[in-house]
Amino acid sequence: MNHNVIDDVLKDTPLNSFHVAIMFWCSMLMLFDGYDLVIYGSVLPQLMVDWKLSPVVAGVIGSSALMGMMVGALTLGSSSDRFGRKRVILACLVVFGVAALGNGFCGNATQFAACRFFTGVGLGGMVPNVVALMTEMSPSRKRNILLTVMLSFYSVGGVVAALTGKVITPAFGWRANFVVAGFPLLALPALYLWLPESISYLIARGRYTEADPILKRYAPEFRGSSSSLATPTAEGVEIQARSRMVELFARGKIIDTLLLWVAFGMCMLMVYGLNTWLPKLMAANGYSLGSSLTFLTVLNVGALFGGLFSGWLADRHGGKPTLILFFAVAALSIYLLGYRQNTFVLNLLLMCAGATTVGTLCVVHAFAAQLYPSNIRSTGVGWAAAAGRLGAIAGPALGGYLLSQQFSIGFNFTVFAIPGVVAAIASFMISGNGKKTLSDTQELVAHVD
């Protein structure tokens, strides 16, 4: 089951308001994700002054959320293949919402790092499940664009975080930003009522009574029942003896899985390294703190457009060529940021860097979701994201180390550009192009064989 258990029958289902509603709620979840992760970078300059933090300690605190995301991706991220997408998403929302709100009431760096860690646990568990749900509840012809539109809302959250850091912090202090971070908890009742469970998951579990009303909204023109979409083979595949983790390396997937992990890791190193340290790096390059926070906003605006464009490009030319192109542009634009530029060129480079780092994170998630069959999709995306968190953890810590050693700004940005080259090479070596993959029937036959 490569795309979705219902793709072969309902592949021509047109986009309707139900699909758009699912994208809206999943997009809001990604906005919360972007806000909670980028807000640390926007308050970091003030936090370092108030608590007299060294760059190394600040980098470790920044990495704590990302370490939590790795733990969340490994545990909660893959658990929805067993417990369902919706249930795990709501649990993750509670975890990261409470922890993010708690950051506003911390009295020292240790408490702050602990809250950041649990914020990461919730976010790390939520993102793979949101990706899996959106993949399984999108019409196949519009899947890439819907996924990347949804994932691009991470960048919207980043823009909001940069703006609140610039507006709220001077007026109310840095703690007020984390009170805003607790607002997602208010969305919990609405998500409980209106976010649907995955049809593929319900059919695989034989829960046809629950699946039927969702199916009618997914494909109003379809006259059959959800049970007619199930086969004994499909259910047998879902309840197989081999663990889902082993399945990630079965039937020739091992090389692609490892290369995907490398691409994730390098992408996340650039994303979280830049979002954490860009204001400080630009200030060290002679810009004022106010303009440096503006640069963070420009970076995330570029990421928003990059996410949307990457989805359009992936739908037409495949995920693999898109990834290679975006990673190459990311490496070049980040490298050039290390040198003084006029205002126009500087903002253009920041837009390109945001578009091809955070924007690439959108398409690499979509690419991963389509690389694996639906019975291990959440596990596949979750483990890829968890492996990527090693790069995410390294990003803030690496930035702190580079600043503490007082290397030249050009050298610092060159170091952050190298992962783009590595990721482009890894993407090139992945088999297939992420556009055309096995049909559900072919994949089921492969399981049987």
Protein backbone atom coordinates (compact mmCIF):
# COMPACT_ATOMS: atom_id res chain seq x y z
CA MET A 1 0.00 0.00 0.00
CA ASN A 2 2.28 2.72 -1.22
CA HIS A 3 0.13 5.80 -1.42
CA ASN A 4 -3.10 4.97 0.33
CA VAL A 5 -5.38 1.94 0.68
CA ILE A 6 -8.09 3.72 -1.37
CA ASP A 7 -5.95 5.31 -4.09
CA ASP A 8 -6.52 2.69 -6.79
CA VAL A 9 -10.31 2.98 -6.55
CA LEU A 10 -10.63 6.70 -5.82
CA LYS A 11 -7.62 8.09 -7.69
CA ASP A 12 -9.82 10.48 -9.72
CA THR A 13 -11.61 11.96 -6.70
CA PRO A 14 -11.77 15.76 -7.21
CA LEU A 15 -10.63 18.19 -4.56
CA ASN A 16 -13.52 19.29 -2.34
CA SER A 17 -14.19 21.31 0.80
CA PHE A 18 -13.59 18.28 3.05
CA HIS A 19 -10.00 17.96 1.82
CA VAL A 20 -9.48 21.70 2.22
CA ALA A 21 -10.82 21.57 5.79
CA ILE A 22 -8.37 18.80 6.68
CA MET A 23 -5.56 20.83 5.16
CA PHE A 24 -6.65 23.85 7.22
CA TRP A 25 -6.50 22.03 10.56
CA CYS A 26 -3.24 20.29 9.71
CA SER A 27 -1.82 23.64 8.57
CA MET A 28 -2.72 25.21 11.90
CA LEU A 29 -0.83 22.43 13.65
CA MET A 30 2.20 23.12 11.48
CA LEU A 31 1.91 26.85 12.25
CA PHE A 32 2.08 26.01 15.96
CA ASP A 33 5.15 23.89 15.23
CA GLY A 34 6.89 26.73 13.40
CA TYR A 35 6.06 29.28 16.08
CA ASP A 36 7.25 27.13 18.97
CA LEU A 37 10.58 26.31 17.35
CA VAL A 38 11.45 29.71 15.86
CA ILE A 39 10.43 31.74 18.92
CA TYR A 40 13.58 30.69 20.76
CA GLY A 41 15.78 32.30 18.12
CA SER A 42 13.81 35.55 18.28
CA VAL A 43 14.03 35.86 22.11
CA LEU A 44 17.56 34.48 22.38
CA PRO A 45 19.42 37.84 22.30
CA GLN A 46 17.33 39.16 25.22
CA LEU A 47 17.51 35.85 27.07
CA MET A 48 21.31 35.80 26.85
CA VAL A 49 21.44 39.28 28.38
CA ASP A 50 18.93 38.59 31.18
CA TRP A 51 20.43 35.27 32.27
CA LYS A 52 24.01 36.03 31.18
CA LEU A 53 24.16 32.91 29.01
CA SER A 54 27.27 31.98 27.06
CA PRO A 55 26.86 31.08 23.37
CA VAL A 56 27.60 27.42 24.15
CA VAL A 57 24.92 27.23 26.88
CA ALA A 58 22.43 29.05 24.64
CA GLY A 59 23.19 26.55 21.88
CA VAL A 60 22.62 23.60 24.22
CA ILE A 61 19.25 25.06 25.28
CA GLY A 62 18.34 25.47 21.63
CA SER A 63 19.26 21.86 20.97
CA SER A 64 17.16 20.59 23.91
CA ALA A 65 13.90 21.14 22.00
CA LEU A 66 15.34 19.34 19.01
CA MET A 67 16.54 16.45 21.15
CA GLY A 68 12.99 16.24 22.46
CA MET A 69 11.71 16.17 18.89
CA MET A 70 13.93 13.19 18.17
CA VAL A 71 12.54 11.35 21.20
CA GLY A 72 8.99 12.30 20.23
CA ALA A 73 9.47 11.18 16.63
CA LEU A 74 10.85 7.80 17.74
CA THR A 75 8.06 7.15 20.23
CA LEU A 76 4.88 9.13 19.56
CA GLY A 77 5.77 9.68 15.90
CA SER A 78 5.49 6.02 14.99
CA SER A 79 2.79 5.05 17.47
CA SER A 80 -0.14 6.12 15.32
CA ASP A 81 0.40 3.15 12.99
CA ARG A 82 -1.00 1.27 15.99
CA PHE A 83 -3.22 3.79 17.82
CA GLY A 84 -4.48 6.03 15.03
CA ARG A 85 -3.40 9.41 13.65
CA LYS A 86 -5.99 11.61 15.36
CA ARG A 87 -5.56 10.26 18.89
CA VAL A 88 -1.78 10.69 18.83
CA ILE A 89 -1.97 14.17 17.26
CA LEU A 90 -4.26 15.42 20.04
CA ALA A 91 -2.05 13.91 22.75
CA CYS A 92 0.99 15.61 21.21
CA LEU A 93 -0.84 18.94 21.11
CA VAL A 94 -1.42 18.77 24.86
CA VAL A 95 2.22 17.90 25.55
CA PHE A 96 3.81 20.67 23.50
CA GLY A 97 1.17 23.27 24.38
CA VAL A 98 1.60 22.86 28.14
CA ALA A 99 5.41 22.70 27.90
CA ALA A 100 5.65 25.79 25.65
CA LEU A 101 3.42 27.76 28.01
CA GLY A 102 5.62 26.63 30.90
CA ASN A 103 8.66 28.30 29.30
CA GLY A 104 7.15 31.66 30.14
CA PHE A 105 7.28 30.89 33.84
CA CYS A 106 10.78 29.40 34.11
CA GLY A 107 13.23 30.93 36.56
CA ASN A 108 16.51 29.57 35.27
CA ALA A 109 18.21 27.96 32.28
CA THR A 110 17.74 24.38 33.57
CA GLN A 111 13.97 24.75 33.90
CA PHE A 112 13.83 26.48 30.54
CA ALA A 113 15.77 23.67 28.82
CA ALA A 114 13.47 21.05 30.40
CA CYS A 115 10.35 22.79 29.08
CA ARG A 116 11.96 23.15 25.66
CA PHE A 117 12.73 19.42 25.69
CA PHE A 118 9.09 18.47 26.34
CA THR A 119 7.91 21.02 23.79
CA GLY A 120 10.10 19.12 21.34
CA VAL A 121 8.69 15.75 22.41
CA GLY A 122 5.17 16.88 21.56
CA LEU A 123 6.15 18.50 18.27
CA GLY A 124 8.36 15.60 17.25
CA GLY A 125 5.49 13.18 17.74
CA MET A 126 2.92 15.40 16.05
CA VAL A 127 4.62 16.25 12.75
CA PRO A 128 5.03 12.70 11.32
CA ASN A 129 1.41 11.97 12.16
CA VAL A 130 0.12 15.17 10.59
CA VAL A 131 2.12 14.32 7.45
CA ALA A 132 0.77 10.75 7.43
CA LEU A 133 -2.82 11.94 7.94
CA MET A 134 -2.58 14.57 5.20
CA THR A 135 -1.00 12.04 2.83
CA GLU A 136 -3.78 9.51 3.39
CA MET A 137 -6.61 12.04 3.25
CA SER A 138 -5.57 13.91 0.09
CA PRO A 139 -6.68 13.11 -3.49
CA SER A 140 -3.71 11.47 -5.17
CA ARG A 141 -3.52 14.03 -8.00
CA LYS A 142 -3.19 16.95 -5.56
CA ARG A 143 -1.21 15.25 -2.81
CA ASN A 144 2.17 16.94 -3.23
CA ILE A 145 0.74 20.44 -3.43
CA LEU A 146 -1.62 19.92 -0.48
CA LEU A 147 1.21 18.47 1.61
CA THR A 148 3.60 21.28 0.84
CA VAL A 149 0.97 23.98 1.38
CA MET A 150 0.29 22.43 4.77
CA LEU A 151 3.98 22.08 5.63
CA SER A 152 4.70 25.63 4.49
CA PHE A 153 2.64 26.85 7.44
CA TYR A 154 5.68 26.00 9.53
CA SER A 155 7.14 29.10 7.86
CA VAL A 156 4.02 31.13 8.66
CA GLY A 157 4.56 30.20 12.29
CA GLY A 158 8.18 31.24 11.94
CA VAL A 159 7.16 34.64 10.54
CA VAL A 160 4.68 35.11 13.40
CA ALA A 161 7.40 34.19 15.91
CA ALA A 162 9.86 36.65 14.39
CA LEU A 163 7.25 39.43 14.39
CA THR A 164 6.09 38.76 17.96
CA GLY A 165 9.72 38.68 19.07
CA LYS A 166 10.20 42.10 17.54
CA VAL A 167 6.91 43.62 18.77
CA ILE A 168 5.93 41.82 21.98
CA THR A 169 9.35 41.48 23.62
CA PRO A 170 10.14 45.22 23.87
CA ALA A 171 6.67 45.96 25.27
CA PHE A 172 6.02 42.97 27.55
CA GLY A 173 9.30 41.08 27.86
CA TRP A 174 10.41 37.79 26.32
CA ARG A 175 8.13 35.69 28.58
CA ALA A 176 5.01 37.00 26.85
CA ASN A 177 6.03 35.19 23.67
CA PHE A 178 5.61 31.85 25.43
CA VAL A 179 2.18 32.79 26.73
CA VAL A 180 1.23 33.11 23.05
CA ALA A 181 2.84 29.68 22.52
CA GLY A 182 0.18 28.20 24.82
CA PHE A 183 -2.69 29.36 22.58
CA PRO A 184 -2.77 26.05 20.60
CA LEU A 185 -4.38 24.43 23.65
CA LEU A 186 -7.49 26.48 22.88
CA ALA A 187 -7.82 24.65 19.56
CA LEU A 188 -8.04 21.23 21.22
CA PRO A 189 -11.89 21.02 21.38
CA ALA A 190 -12.25 22.05 17.73
CA LEU A 191 -9.66 19.51 16.58
CA TYR A 192 -11.34 16.78 18.61
CA LEU A 193 -14.66 17.50 16.89
CA TRP A 194 -13.58 18.21 13.33
CA LEU A 195 -10.25 16.50 12.61
CA PRO A 196 -11.09 13.12 11.00
CA GLU A 197 -9.25 9.84 11.43
CA SER A 198 -7.45 8.38 8.42
CA ILE A 199 -9.74 6.23 6.25
CA SER A 200 -6.80 3.95 5.41
CA TYR A 201 -6.13 3.37 9.09
CA LEU A 202 -9.80 2.64 9.89
CA ILE A 203 -10.16 0.22 6.96
CA ALA A 204 -6.95 -1.59 7.90
CA ARG A 205 -8.39 -2.05 11.41
CA GLY A 206 -11.76 -3.25 10.12
CA ARG A 207 -13.56 -0.22 11.65
CA TYR A 208 -15.92 0.19 8.72
CA THR A 209 -18.74 1.85 10.67
CA GLU A 210 -16.43 4.74 11.54
CA ALA A 211 -14.87 4.84 8.08
CA ASP A 212 -18.15 5.01 6.07
CA PRO A 213 -19.26 8.57 6.99
CA ILE A 214 -15.72 9.89 6.48
CA LEU A 215 -15.54 8.14 3.10
CA LYS A 216 -18.79 9.79 1.99
CA ARG A 217 -17.25 13.20 2.68
CA TYR A 218 -13.90 12.26 1.12
CA ALA A 219 -15.50 11.01 -2.12
CA PRO A 220 -19.22 11.98 -2.32
CA GLU A 221 -19.56 10.41 -5.78
CA PHE A 222 -18.40 6.97 -4.60
CA ARG A 223 -21.36 4.65 -4.07
CA GLY A 224 -19.62 1.75 -2.35
CA SER A 225 -18.87 1.21 1.33
CA SER A 226 -15.50 1.29 3.07
CA SER A 227 -15.60 -2.48 3.48
CA SER A 228 -15.62 -2.84 -0.31
CA LEU A 229 -12.20 -1.16 -0.40
CA ALA A 230 -10.67 -3.68 1.99
CA THR A 231 -9.17 -7.02 1.03
CA PRO A 232 -8.08 -9.91 3.24
CA THR A 233 -4.59 -9.42 1.83
CA ALA A 234 -4.53 -5.79 2.89
CA GLU A 235 -5.57 -6.63 6.43
CA GLY A 236 -3.06 -9.46 6.56
CA VAL A 237 -0.31 -7.12 5.50
CA GLU A 238 -1.23 -4.67 8.22
CA ILE A 239 -1.02 -7.31 10.95
CA GLN A 240 2.24 -8.91 10.00
CA ALA A 241 4.81 -10.54 12.23
CA ARG A 242 7.76 -8.42 11.24
CA SER A 243 8.09 -5.14 13.11
CA ARG A 244 7.45 -1.89 11.28
CA MET A 245 11.03 -0.84 11.92
CA VAL A 246 12.32 -3.93 10.11
CA GLU A 247 9.99 -3.10 7.21
CA LEU A 248 11.87 0.17 6.65
CA PHE A 249 14.88 -1.88 5.58
CA ALA A 250 13.06 -4.73 3.78
CA ARG A 251 12.83 -5.43 0.04
CA GLY A 252 15.67 -3.17 -1.06
CA LYS A 253 14.62 -0.15 1.03
CA ILE A 254 17.77 -0.02 3.18
CA ILE A 255 19.88 2.27 0.96
CA ASP A 256 16.99 4.62 0.23
CA THR A 257 16.08 4.76 3.91
CA LEU A 258 19.63 5.65 4.99
CA LEU A 259 20.03 8.23 2.22
CA LEU A 260 16.67 9.76 3.19
CA TRP A 261 17.89 10.04 6.78
CA VAL A 262 21.02 11.87 5.62
CA ALA A 263 18.94 14.31 3.54
CA PHE A 264 16.64 14.94 6.52
CA GLY A 265 19.56 15.47 8.87
CA MET A 266 21.41 17.91 6.66
CA CYS A 267 18.23 19.84 5.88
CA MET A 268 17.30 20.16 9.54
CA LEU A 269 20.84 21.23 10.49
CA MET A 270 20.53 24.18 8.13
CA VAL A 271 16.94 24.99 9.14
CA TYR A 272 17.38 25.00 12.90
CA GLY A 273 20.92 26.33 12.88
CA LEU A 274 19.86 29.38 10.88
CA ASN A 275 16.57 29.97 12.73
CA THR A 276 18.41 29.86 16.07
CA TRP A 277 21.53 31.86 15.24
CA LEU A 278 20.72 34.09 12.24
CA PRO A 279 20.03 37.25 14.34
CA LYS A 280 23.28 36.80 16.28
CA LEU A 281 25.29 35.94 13.15
CA MET A 282 23.98 38.98 11.30
CA ALA A 283 24.61 41.20 14.33
CA ALA A 284 28.18 39.89 14.40
CA ASN A 285 28.43 40.84 10.73
CA GLY A 286 27.78 44.49 11.63
CA TYR A 287 23.99 44.76 11.43
CA SER A 288 21.83 46.14 14.26
CA LEU A 289 19.81 43.74 16.41
CA GLY A 290 16.55 45.20 15.09
CA SER A 291 17.52 44.63 11.47
CA SER A 292 18.84 41.17 12.38
CA LEU A 293 15.37 40.18 13.65
CA THR A 294 13.95 41.56 10.39
CA PHE A 295 16.32 39.22 8.54
CA LEU A 296 14.78 36.29 10.46
CA THR A 297 11.38 37.41 9.20
CA VAL A 298 12.64 37.63 5.61
CA LEU A 299 14.15 34.14 5.93
CA ASN A 300 10.79 32.67 6.95
CA VAL A 301 8.82 34.63 4.34
CA GLY A 302 11.13 33.09 1.77
CA ALA A 303 10.48 29.71 3.37
CA LEU A 304 6.74 30.17 2.89
CA PHE A 305 7.07 30.85 -0.83
CA GLY A 306 9.67 28.10 -1.18
CA GLY A 307 7.35 25.56 0.41
CA LEU A 308 4.54 26.42 -1.98
CA PHE A 309 6.80 26.44 -5.04
CA SER A 310 8.46 23.17 -4.08
CA GLY A 311 5.07 21.42 -3.97
CA TRP A 312 4.15 22.73 -7.41
CA LEU A 313 7.54 21.68 -8.76
CA ALA A 314 7.40 18.21 -7.15
CA ASP A 315 3.95 17.52 -8.61
CA ARG A 316 5.29 18.22 -12.10
CA HIS A 317 8.86 16.96 -12.05
CA GLY A 318 9.07 14.68 -9.01
CA GLY A 319 10.35 15.07 -5.48
CA LYS A 320 13.91 13.95 -6.21
CA PRO A 321 14.83 16.59 -8.84
CA THR A 322 13.18 19.24 -6.65
CA LEU A 323 15.24 18.22 -3.63
CA ILE A 324 18.51 18.25 -5.58
CA LEU A 325 17.81 21.71 -7.00
CA PHE A 326 16.71 23.21 -3.69
CA PHE A 327 19.63 21.79 -1.69
CA ALA A 328 22.13 23.14 -4.26
CA VAL A 329 20.58 26.63 -4.14
CA ALA A 330 20.53 26.48 -0.34
CA ALA A 331 24.25 25.76 -0.17
CA LEU A 332 25.08 28.64 -2.54
CA SER A 333 22.81 31.24 -0.91
CA ILE A 334 23.96 30.43 2.64
CA TYR A 335 27.61 30.59 1.56
CA LEU A 336 27.08 34.07 0.04
CA LEU A 337 25.40 35.34 3.24
CA GLY A 338 28.85 35.26 4.84
CA TYR A 339 29.90 38.30 2.83
CA ARG A 340 28.67 41.88 3.08
CA GLN A 341 26.01 42.59 0.45
CA ASN A 342 23.85 45.55 -0.47
CA THR A 343 20.33 45.51 0.96
CA PHE A 344 18.63 44.13 -2.15
CA VAL A 345 21.08 41.25 -2.65
CA LEU A 346 21.11 40.46 1.07
CA ASN A 347 17.33 40.14 1.25
CA LEU A 348 17.27 38.12 -1.97
CA LEU A 349 19.82 35.70 -0.52
CA LEU A 350 17.84 35.43 2.71
CA MET A 351 14.67 34.69 0.74
CA CYS A 352 16.49 32.03 -1.28
CA ALA A 353 18.05 30.52 1.86
CA GLY A 354 14.65 30.32 3.57
CA ALA A 355 12.93 28.97 0.47
CA THR A 356 15.48 26.20 -0.03
CA THR A 357 15.99 25.15 3.60
CA VAL A 358 12.62 25.39 5.36
CA GLY A 359 10.91 25.12 1.97
CA THR A 360 12.89 21.97 1.24
CA LEU A 361 11.86 20.56 4.62
CA CYS A 362 8.31 20.67 3.27
CA VAL A 363 9.02 18.62 0.17
CA VAL A 364 11.37 16.16 1.90
CA HIS A 365 8.54 15.24 4.30
CA ALA A 366 6.17 14.75 1.36
CA PHE A 367 8.82 12.72 -0.45
CA ALA A 368 9.32 10.49 2.62
CA ALA A 369 5.57 9.96 3.04
CA GLN A 370 5.32 8.61 -0.51
CA LEU A 371 8.45 6.49 -0.27
CA TYR A 372 6.81 4.04 2.16
CA PRO A 373 3.57 2.00 2.07
CA SER A 374 0.71 3.21 4.30
CA ASN A 375 1.07 0.41 6.87
CA ILE A 376 4.52 1.77 7.81
CA ARG A 377 4.14 5.37 6.58
CA SER A 378 3.98 7.01 10.01
CA THR A 379 6.89 4.84 11.16
CA GLY A 380 8.91 5.69 8.04
CA VAL A 381 8.33 9.43 8.30
CA GLY A 382 8.77 9.31 12.09
CA TRP A 383 12.13 7.53 11.93
CA ALA A 384 13.36 9.76 9.09
CA ALA A 385 12.38 12.80 11.12
CA ALA A 386 14.05 11.32 14.21
CA ALA A 387 17.26 10.71 12.29
CA GLY A 388 16.95 14.25 10.96
CA ARG A 389 16.75 15.55 14.52
CA LEU A 390 20.40 14.60 14.97
CA GLY A 391 21.13 17.30 12.41
CA ALA A 392 18.60 19.61 14.05
CA ILE A 393 20.29 19.13 17.43
CA ALA A 394 23.68 19.77 15.86
CA GLY A 395 22.55 23.03 14.21
CA PRO A 396 22.07 25.24 17.30
CA ALA A 397 25.00 23.59 19.11
CA LEU A 398 27.26 24.11 16.08
CA GLY A 399 26.25 27.77 15.82
CA GLY A 400 27.03 28.31 19.50
CA TYR A 401 30.43 26.70 19.11
CA LEU A 402 31.31 28.72 16.00
CA LEU A 403 30.40 32.01 17.70
CA SER A 404 32.31 31.09 20.85
CA GLN A 405 35.46 30.48 18.77
CA GLN A 406 35.13 33.87 17.07
CA PHE A 407 35.73 32.55 13.57
CA SER A 408 35.15 34.88 10.65
CA ILE A 409 31.53 35.35 9.57
CA GLY A 410 32.39 34.00 6.13
CA PHE A 411 33.72 30.80 7.66
CA ASN A 412 30.63 30.39 9.88
CA PHE A 413 28.23 30.61 6.94
CA THR A 414 30.43 28.31 4.85
CA VAL A 415 30.11 25.65 7.56
CA PHE A 416 26.31 25.98 7.43
CA ALA A 417 26.38 25.73 3.61
CA ILE A 418 28.24 22.39 3.48
CA PRO A 419 25.19 20.32 4.62
CA GLY A 420 23.34 21.56 1.53
CA VAL A 421 25.95 19.94 -0.71
CA VAL A 422 25.82 16.69 1.27
CA ALA A 423 22.00 16.62 1.13
CA ALA A 424 21.97 17.23 -2.64
CA ILE A 425 24.30 14.26 -3.17
CA ALA A 426 22.22 12.01 -0.88
CA SER A 427 19.01 12.98 -2.70
CA PHE A 428 20.60 12.25 -6.07
CA MET A 429 21.47 8.72 -4.91
CA ILE A 430 17.92 7.82 -3.77
CA SER A 431 16.24 5.52 -6.30
CA GLY A 432 13.16 6.81 -8.14
CA ASN A 433 12.12 10.44 -8.41
CA GLY A 434 9.25 10.65 -5.93
CA LYS A 435 6.66 11.21 -8.65
CA LYS A 436 5.62 7.78 -9.88
CA THR A 437 5.64 4.88 -7.45
CA LEU A 438 4.11 1.42 -7.11
CA SER A 439 0.36 1.20 -7.00
CA ASP A 440 -1.34 -0.23 -3.94
CA THR A 441 -2.03 -3.47 -5.76
CA GLN A 442 1.58 -3.88 -6.84
CA GLU A 443 2.80 -3.22 -3.33
CA LEU A 444 0.39 -5.74 -1.87
CA VAL A 445 1.63 -8.35 -4.33
CA ALA A 446 5.19 -7.54 -3.29
CA HIS A 447 4.23 -8.20 0.34
CA VAL A 448 2.63 -11.50 -0.54
CA ASP A 449 5.64 -12.62 -2.60
